[in-house]
Structures are given as structure tokens and as C-alpha cells.
Amino acid sequence: SDNKPIKDFVLNNPVYKGSILVAGKNF
């Protein structure tokens, strides 16, 4: 709510990169 990155979310984790999103069922 303060517009600060949530560290646990994958898009904020620099370990994960790439141009492919692998998502769960019923996207």
C-alpha cells in the first residue's frame, strides 16, 4: 500500500528473469 516492492513476489526477485512466464492452471 506504500508502493514499496513486495520482496516475496517473483517479479521482484532478480534471480528470475526471461521473456517466458510459466503460470498455473486457468490463467
PDB file of all heavy atoms in Angstrom:
ATOM      1  N   SER A   1       0.812  -1.226   0.000  1.00  0.00           N
ATOM      2  CA  SER A   1       0.000   0.000   0.000  1.00  0.00           C
ATOM      3  C   SER A   1       0.841   1.270   0.000  1.00  0.00           C
ATOM      4  O   SER A   1       0.352   2.354  -0.327  1.00  0.00           O
ATOM      5  CB  SER A   1      -0.931   0.003   1.211  1.00  0.00           C
ATOM      6  OG  SER A   1      -0.189  -0.110   2.417  1.00  0.00           O
ATOM      7  N   ASP A   2       2.125   1.155   0.336  1.00  0.00           N
ATOM      8  CA  ASP A   2       3.031   2.307   0.298  1.00  0.00           C
ATOM      9  C   ASP A   2       3.865   2.332  -0.980  1.00  0.00           C
ATOM     10  O   ASP A   2       4.855   3.069  -1.071  1.00  0.00           O
ATOM     11  CB  ASP A   2       3.969   2.269   1.517  1.00  0.00           C
ATOM     12  CG  ASP A   2       3.221   2.453   2.825  1.00  0.00           C
ATOM     13  OD1 ASP A   2       2.278   3.266   2.862  1.00  0.00           O
ATOM     14  OD2 ASP A   2       3.562   1.754   3.800  1.00  0.00           O
ATOM     15  N   ASN A   3       3.454   1.488  -1.944  1.00  0.00           N
ATOM     16  CA  ASN A   3       4.155   1.389  -3.229  1.00  0.00           C
ATOM     17  C   ASN A   3       5.596   0.897  -3.095  1.00  0.00           C
ATOM     18  O   ASN A   3       6.450   1.218  -3.934  1.00  0.00           O
ATOM     19  CB  ASN A   3       4.132   2.731  -3.982  1.00  0.00           C
ATOM     20  CG  ASN A   3       2.748   3.058  -4.517  1.00  0.00           C
ATOM     21  OD1 ASN A   3       2.018   2.170  -4.955  1.00  0.00           O
ATOM     22  ND2 ASN A   3       2.386   4.330  -4.478  1.00  0.00           N
ATOM     23  N   LYS A   4       5.823   0.120  -2.064  1.00  0.00           N
ATOM     24  CA  LYS A   4       7.148  -0.489  -1.897  1.00  0.00           C
ATOM     25  C   LYS A   4       7.105  -1.923  -2.428  1.00  0.00           C
ATOM     26  O   LYS A   4       6.114  -2.628  -2.225  1.00  0.00           O
ATOM     27  CB  LYS A   4       7.547  -0.493  -0.422  1.00  0.00           C
ATOM     28  CG  LYS A   4       7.767   0.898   0.149  1.00  0.00           C
ATOM     29  CD  LYS A   4       8.182   0.825   1.608  1.00  0.00           C
ATOM     30  CE  LYS A   4       8.406   2.230   2.164  1.00  0.00           C
ATOM     31  NZ  LYS A   4       8.776   2.202   3.609  1.00  0.00           N
ATOM     32  N   PRO A   5       8.138  -2.351  -3.148  1.00  0.00           N
ATOM     33  CA  PRO A   5       8.161  -3.712  -3.709  1.00  0.00           C
ATOM     34  C   PRO A   5       8.012  -4.777  -2.632  1.00  0.00           C
ATOM     35  O   PRO A   5       8.621  -4.688  -1.557  1.00  0.00           O
ATOM     36  CB  PRO A   5       9.538  -3.798  -4.376  1.00  0.00           C
ATOM     37  CG  PRO A   5       9.918  -2.389  -4.658  1.00  0.00           C
ATOM     38  CD  PRO A   5       9.355  -1.585  -3.510  1.00  0.00           C
ATOM     39  N   ILE A   6       7.170  -5.761  -2.905  1.00  0.00           N
ATOM     40  CA  ILE A   6       6.997  -6.895  -2.001  1.00  0.00           C
ATOM     41  C   ILE A   6       8.068  -7.933  -2.369  1.00  0.00           C
ATOM     42  O   ILE A   6       8.027  -8.531  -3.448  1.00  0.00           O
ATOM     43  CB  ILE A   6       5.583  -7.485  -2.137  1.00  0.00           C
ATOM     44  CG1 ILE A   6       4.547  -6.426  -1.734  1.00  0.00           C
ATOM     45  CG2 ILE A   6       5.434  -8.745  -1.287  1.00  0.00           C
ATOM     46  CD1 ILE A   6       3.109  -6.832  -2.004  1.00  0.00           C
ATOM     47  N   LYS A   7       9.019  -8.119  -1.481  1.00  0.00           N
ATOM     48  CA  LYS A   7      10.196  -8.933  -1.791  1.00  0.00           C
ATOM     49  C   LYS A   7       9.860 -10.368  -2.187  1.00  0.00           C
ATOM     50  O   LYS A   7      10.555 -10.970  -3.001  1.00  0.00           O
ATOM     51  CB  LYS A   7      11.146  -8.941  -0.595  1.00  0.00           C
ATOM     52  CG  LYS A   7      11.787  -7.590  -0.315  1.00  0.00           C
ATOM     53  CD  LYS A   7      12.752  -7.681   0.852  1.00  0.00           C
ATOM     54  CE  LYS A   7      13.416  -6.327   1.123  1.00  0.00           C
ATOM     55  NZ  LYS A   7      14.357  -6.401   2.256  1.00  0.00           N
ATOM     56  N   ASP A   8       8.797 -10.907  -1.608  1.00  0.00           N
ATOM     57  CA  ASP A   8       8.478 -12.315  -1.857  1.00  0.00           C
ATOM     58  C   ASP A   8       7.874 -12.569  -3.234  1.00  0.00           C
ATOM     59  O   ASP A   8       7.808 -13.722  -3.667  1.00  0.00           O
ATOM     60  CB  ASP A   8       7.494 -12.829  -0.790  1.00  0.00           C
ATOM     61  CG  ASP A   8       8.140 -12.915   0.583  1.00  0.00           C
ATOM     62  OD1 ASP A   8       9.382 -12.950   0.644  1.00  0.00           O
ATOM     63  OD2 ASP A   8       7.395 -12.940   1.580  1.00  0.00           O
ATOM     64  N   PHE A   9       7.435 -11.496  -3.933  1.00  0.00           N
ATOM     65  CA  PHE A   9       6.799 -11.731  -5.222  1.00  0.00           C
ATOM     66  C   PHE A   9       7.854 -11.936  -6.305  1.00  0.00           C
ATOM     67  O   PHE A   9       8.862 -11.236  -6.360  1.00  0.00           O
ATOM     68  CB  PHE A   9       5.873 -10.576  -5.608  1.00  0.00           C
ATOM     69  CG  PHE A   9       5.080 -10.866  -6.847  1.00  0.00           C
ATOM     70  CD1 PHE A   9       4.209 -11.953  -6.888  1.00  0.00           C
ATOM     71  CD2 PHE A   9       5.224 -10.091  -7.978  1.00  0.00           C
ATOM     72  CE1 PHE A   9       3.494 -12.245  -8.035  1.00  0.00           C
ATOM     73  CE2 PHE A   9       4.503 -10.369  -9.129  1.00  0.00           C
ATOM     74  CZ  PHE A   9       3.641 -11.458  -9.164  1.00  0.00           C
ATOM     75  N   VAL A  10       7.589 -12.892  -7.180  1.00  0.00           N
ATOM     76  CA  VAL A  10       8.595 -13.363  -8.132  1.00  0.00           C
ATOM     77  C   VAL A  10       9.135 -12.272  -9.056  1.00  0.00           C
ATOM     78  O   VAL A  10      10.321 -12.274  -9.398  1.00  0.00           O
ATOM     79  CB  VAL A  10       8.042 -14.563  -8.939  1.00  0.00           C
ATOM     80  CG1 VAL A  10       6.903 -14.127  -9.851  1.00  0.00           C
ATOM     81  CG2 VAL A  10       9.157 -15.252  -9.714  1.00  0.00           C
ATOM     82  N   LEU A  11       8.302 -11.324  -9.470  1.00  0.00           N
ATOM     83  CA  LEU A  11       8.797 -10.277 -10.380  1.00  0.00           C
ATOM     84  C   LEU A  11       9.774  -9.329  -9.683  1.00  0.00           C
ATOM     85  O   LEU A  11      10.473  -8.573 -10.353  1.00  0.00           O
ATOM     86  CB  LEU A  11       7.639  -9.474 -10.980  1.00  0.00           C
ATOM     87  CG  LEU A  11       6.727 -10.180 -11.977  1.00  0.00           C
ATOM     88  CD1 LEU A  11       5.831  -9.176 -12.685  1.00  0.00           C
ATOM     89  CD2 LEU A  11       7.507 -10.981 -13.010  1.00  0.00           C
ATOM     90  N   ASN A  12       9.788  -9.365  -8.365  1.00  0.00           N
ATOM     91  CA  ASN A  12      10.732  -8.536  -7.612  1.00  0.00           C
ATOM     92  C   ASN A  12      11.986  -9.310  -7.204  1.00  0.00           C
ATOM     93  O   ASN A  12      12.846  -8.771  -6.515  1.00  0.00           O
ATOM     94  CB  ASN A  12      10.046  -7.979  -6.355  1.00  0.00           C
ATOM     95  CG  ASN A  12       8.905  -7.045  -6.696  1.00  0.00           C
ATOM     96  OD1 ASN A  12       8.942  -6.348  -7.694  1.00  0.00           O
ATOM     97  ND2 ASN A  12       7.866  -7.041  -5.861  1.00  0.00           N
ATOM     98  N   ASN A  13      12.058 -10.547  -7.632  1.00  0.00           N
ATOM     99  CA  ASN A  13      13.208 -11.388  -7.323  1.00  0.00           C
ATOM    100  C   ASN A  13      14.170 -11.396  -8.514  1.00  0.00           C
ATOM    101  O   ASN A  13      13.847 -11.951  -9.567  1.00  0.00           O
ATOM    102  CB  ASN A  13      12.744 -12.813  -7.014  1.00  0.00           C
ATOM    103  CG  ASN A  13      13.863 -13.697  -6.507  1.00  0.00           C
ATOM    104  OD1 ASN A  13      15.044 -13.413  -6.716  1.00  0.00           O
ATOM    105  ND2 ASN A  13      13.509 -14.786  -5.842  1.00  0.00           N
ATOM    106  N   PRO A  14      15.339 -10.771  -8.381  1.00  0.00           N
ATOM    107  CA  PRO A  14      16.277 -10.668  -9.505  1.00  0.00           C
ATOM    108  C   PRO A  14      16.812 -12.014  -9.993  1.00  0.00           C
ATOM    109  O   PRO A  14      17.411 -12.090 -11.068  1.00  0.00           O
ATOM    110  CB  PRO A  14      17.412  -9.806  -8.931  1.00  0.00           C
ATOM    111  CG  PRO A  14      17.331 -10.001  -7.451  1.00  0.00           C
ATOM    112  CD  PRO A  14      15.876 -10.160  -7.151  1.00  0.00           C
ATOM    113  N   VAL A  15      16.579 -13.065  -9.219  1.00  0.00           N
ATOM    114  CA  VAL A  15      17.037 -14.400  -9.618  1.00  0.00           C
ATOM    115  C   VAL A  15      16.280 -14.880 -10.853  1.00  0.00           C
ATOM    116  O   VAL A  15      16.831 -15.598 -11.700  1.00  0.00           O
ATOM    117  CB  VAL A  15      16.851 -15.399  -8.454  1.00  0.00           C
ATOM    118  CG1 VAL A  15      17.043 -16.831  -8.936  1.00  0.00           C
ATOM    119  CG2 VAL A  15      17.827 -15.084  -7.333  1.00  0.00           C
ATOM    120  N   TYR A  16      15.011 -14.472 -10.961  1.00  0.00           N
ATOM    121  CA  TYR A  16      14.170 -14.942 -12.065  1.00  0.00           C
ATOM    122  C   TYR A  16      14.051 -13.880 -13.152  1.00  0.00           C
ATOM    123  O   TYR A  16      13.596 -12.760 -12.903  1.00  0.00           O
ATOM    124  CB  TYR A  16      12.780 -15.322 -11.557  1.00  0.00           C
ATOM    125  CG  TYR A  16      12.811 -16.462 -10.568  1.00  0.00           C
ATOM    126  CD1 TYR A  16      12.608 -16.234  -9.210  1.00  0.00           C
ATOM    127  CD2 TYR A  16      13.065 -17.769 -10.984  1.00  0.00           C
ATOM    128  CE1 TYR A  16      12.641 -17.279  -8.295  1.00  0.00           C
ATOM    129  CE2 TYR A  16      13.116 -18.817 -10.080  1.00  0.00           C
ATOM    130  CZ  TYR A  16      12.902 -18.568  -8.742  1.00  0.00           C
ATOM    131  OH  TYR A  16      12.944 -19.601  -7.843  1.00  0.00           O
ATOM    132  N   LYS A  17      14.460 -14.251 -14.346  1.00  0.00           N
ATOM    133  CA  LYS A  17      14.399 -13.341 -15.497  1.00  0.00           C
ATOM    134  C   LYS A  17      13.976 -14.134 -16.722  1.00  0.00           C
ATOM    135  O   LYS A  17      13.936 -15.362 -16.706  1.00  0.00           O
ATOM    136  CB  LYS A  17      15.765 -12.697 -15.736  1.00  0.00           C
ATOM    137  CG  LYS A  17      16.277 -11.844 -14.590  1.00  0.00           C
ATOM    138  CD  LYS A  17      17.662 -11.311 -14.888  1.00  0.00           C
ATOM    139  CE  LYS A  17      18.190 -10.472 -13.728  1.00  0.00           C
ATOM    140  NZ  LYS A  17      19.571  -9.973 -13.970  1.00  0.00           N
ATOM    141  N   GLY A  18      13.686 -13.415 -17.787  1.00  0.00           N
ATOM    142  CA  GLY A  18      13.369 -14.086 -19.047  1.00  0.00           C
ATOM    143  C   GLY A  18      12.118 -13.547 -19.695  1.00  0.00           C
ATOM    144  O   GLY A  18      11.369 -12.771 -19.100  1.00  0.00           O
ATOM    145  N   SER A  19      11.895 -13.962 -20.917  1.00  0.00           N
ATOM    146  CA  SER A  19      10.749 -13.479 -21.691  1.00  0.00           C
ATOM    147  C   SER A  19       9.614 -14.494 -21.747  1.00  0.00           C
ATOM    148  O   SER A  19       8.709 -14.385 -22.559  1.00  0.00           O
ATOM    149  CB  SER A  19      11.191 -13.105 -23.111  1.00  0.00           C
ATOM    150  OG  SER A  19      11.877 -14.170 -23.732  1.00  0.00           O
ATOM    151  N   ILE A  20       9.684 -15.521 -20.871  1.00  0.00           N
ATOM    152  CA  ILE A  20       8.626 -16.528 -20.785  1.00  0.00           C
ATOM    153  C   ILE A  20       8.064 -16.531 -19.366  1.00  0.00           C
ATOM    154  O   ILE A  20       8.818 -16.610 -18.395  1.00  0.00           O
ATOM    155  CB  ILE A  20       9.153 -17.938 -21.134  1.00  0.00           C
ATOM    156  CG1 ILE A  20       9.694 -17.970 -22.565  1.00  0.00           C
ATOM    157  CG2 ILE A  20       8.048 -18.980 -20.961  1.00  0.00           C
ATOM    158  CD1 ILE A  20      10.392 -19.274 -22.938  1.00  0.00           C
ATOM    159  N   LEU A  21       6.746 -16.433 -19.254  1.00  0.00           N
ATOM    160  CA  LEU A  21       6.069 -16.548 -17.968  1.00  0.00           C
ATOM    161  C   LEU A  21       5.453 -17.939 -17.884  1.00  0.00           C
ATOM    162  O   LEU A  21       4.707 -18.342 -18.778  1.00  0.00           O
ATOM    163  CB  LEU A  21       4.968 -15.487 -17.857  1.00  0.00           C
ATOM    164  CG  LEU A  21       4.084 -15.540 -16.599  1.00  0.00           C
ATOM    165  CD1 LEU A  21       4.906 -15.238 -15.348  1.00  0.00           C
ATOM    166  CD2 LEU A  21       2.921 -14.565 -16.719  1.00  0.00           C
ATOM    167  N   VAL A  22       5.795 -18.682 -16.846  1.00  0.00           N
ATOM    168  CA  VAL A  22       5.220 -20.011 -16.647  1.00  0.00           C
ATOM    169  C   VAL A  22       4.201 -19.883 -15.514  1.00  0.00           C
ATOM    170  O   VAL A  22       4.572 -19.590 -14.370  1.00  0.00           O
ATOM    171  CB  VAL A  22       6.299 -21.049 -16.288  1.00  0.00           C
ATOM    172  CG1 VAL A  22       5.660 -22.422 -16.079  1.00  0.00           C
ATOM    173  CG2 VAL A  22       7.347 -21.120 -17.399  1.00  0.00           C
ATOM    174  N   ALA A  23       2.931 -20.068 -15.841  1.00  0.00           N
ATOM    175  CA  ALA A  23       1.853 -19.786 -14.892  1.00  0.00           C
ATOM    176  C   ALA A  23       1.024 -21.021 -14.569  1.00  0.00           C
ATOM    177  O   ALA A  23       1.005 -21.997 -15.322  1.00  0.00           O
ATOM    178  CB  ALA A  23       0.947 -18.692 -15.464  1.00  0.00           C
ATOM    179  N   GLY A  24       0.314 -20.944 -13.454  1.00  0.00           N
ATOM    180  CA  GLY A  24      -0.539 -22.043 -13.029  1.00  0.00           C
ATOM    181  C   GLY A  24      -1.782 -22.189 -13.899  1.00  0.00           C
ATOM    182  O   GLY A  24      -2.070 -21.360 -14.767  1.00  0.00           O
ATOM    183  N   LYS A  25      -2.532 -23.232 -13.646  1.00  0.00           N
ATOM    184  CA  LYS A  25      -3.728 -23.581 -14.419  1.00  0.00           C
ATOM    185  C   LYS A  25      -4.795 -22.486 -14.375  1.00  0.00           C
ATOM    186  O   LYS A  25      -4.964 -21.811 -13.379  1.00  0.00           O
ATOM    187  CB  LYS A  25      -4.302 -24.888 -13.867  1.00  0.00           C
ATOM    188  CG  LYS A  25      -5.505 -25.424 -14.609  1.00  0.00           C
ATOM    189  CD  LYS A  25      -5.963 -26.723 -13.974  1.00  0.00           C
ATOM    190  CE  LYS A  25      -7.184 -27.292 -14.698  1.00  0.00           C
ATOM    191  NZ  LYS A  25      -7.625 -28.572 -14.078  1.00  0.00           N
ATOM    192  N   ASN A  26      -5.500 -22.325 -15.500  1.00  0.00           N
ATOM    193  CA  ASN A  26      -6.609 -21.375 -15.637  1.00  0.00           C
ATOM    194  C   ASN A  26      -6.127 -19.936 -15.564  1.00  0.00           C
ATOM    195  O   ASN A  26      -6.648 -19.111 -14.804  1.00  0.00           O
ATOM    196  CB  ASN A  26      -7.699 -21.632 -14.594  1.00  0.00           C
ATOM    197  CG  ASN A  26      -9.014 -20.955 -14.962  1.00  0.00           C
ATOM    198  OD1 ASN A  26      -9.297 -20.706 -16.134  1.00  0.00           O
ATOM    199  ND2 ASN A  26      -9.831 -20.659 -13.966  1.00  0.00           N
ATOM    200  N   PHE A  27      -5.148 -19.618 -16.383  1.00  0.00           N
ATOM    201  CA  PHE A  27      -4.563 -18.276 -16.410  1.00  0.00           C
ATOM    202  C   PHE A  27      -5.436 -17.341 -17.246  1.00  0.00           C
ATOM    203  O   PHE A  27      -5.884 -17.686 -18.338  1.00  0.00           O
ATOM    204  CB  PHE A  27      -3.157 -18.329 -17.008  1.00  0.00           C
ATOM    205  CG  PHE A  27      -2.423 -17.016 -16.940  1.00  0.00           C
ATOM    206  CD1 PHE A  27      -1.842 -16.605 -15.755  1.00  0.00           C
ATOM    207  CD2 PHE A  27      -2.312 -16.207 -18.060  1.00  0.00           C
ATOM    208  CE1 PHE A  27      -1.158 -15.405 -15.677  1.00  0.00           C
ATOM    209  CE2 PHE A  27      -1.629 -15.007 -17.998  1.00  0.00           C
ATOM    210  CZ  PHE A  27      -1.053 -14.595 -16.801  1.00  0.00           C
TER     211      PHE A  27
END
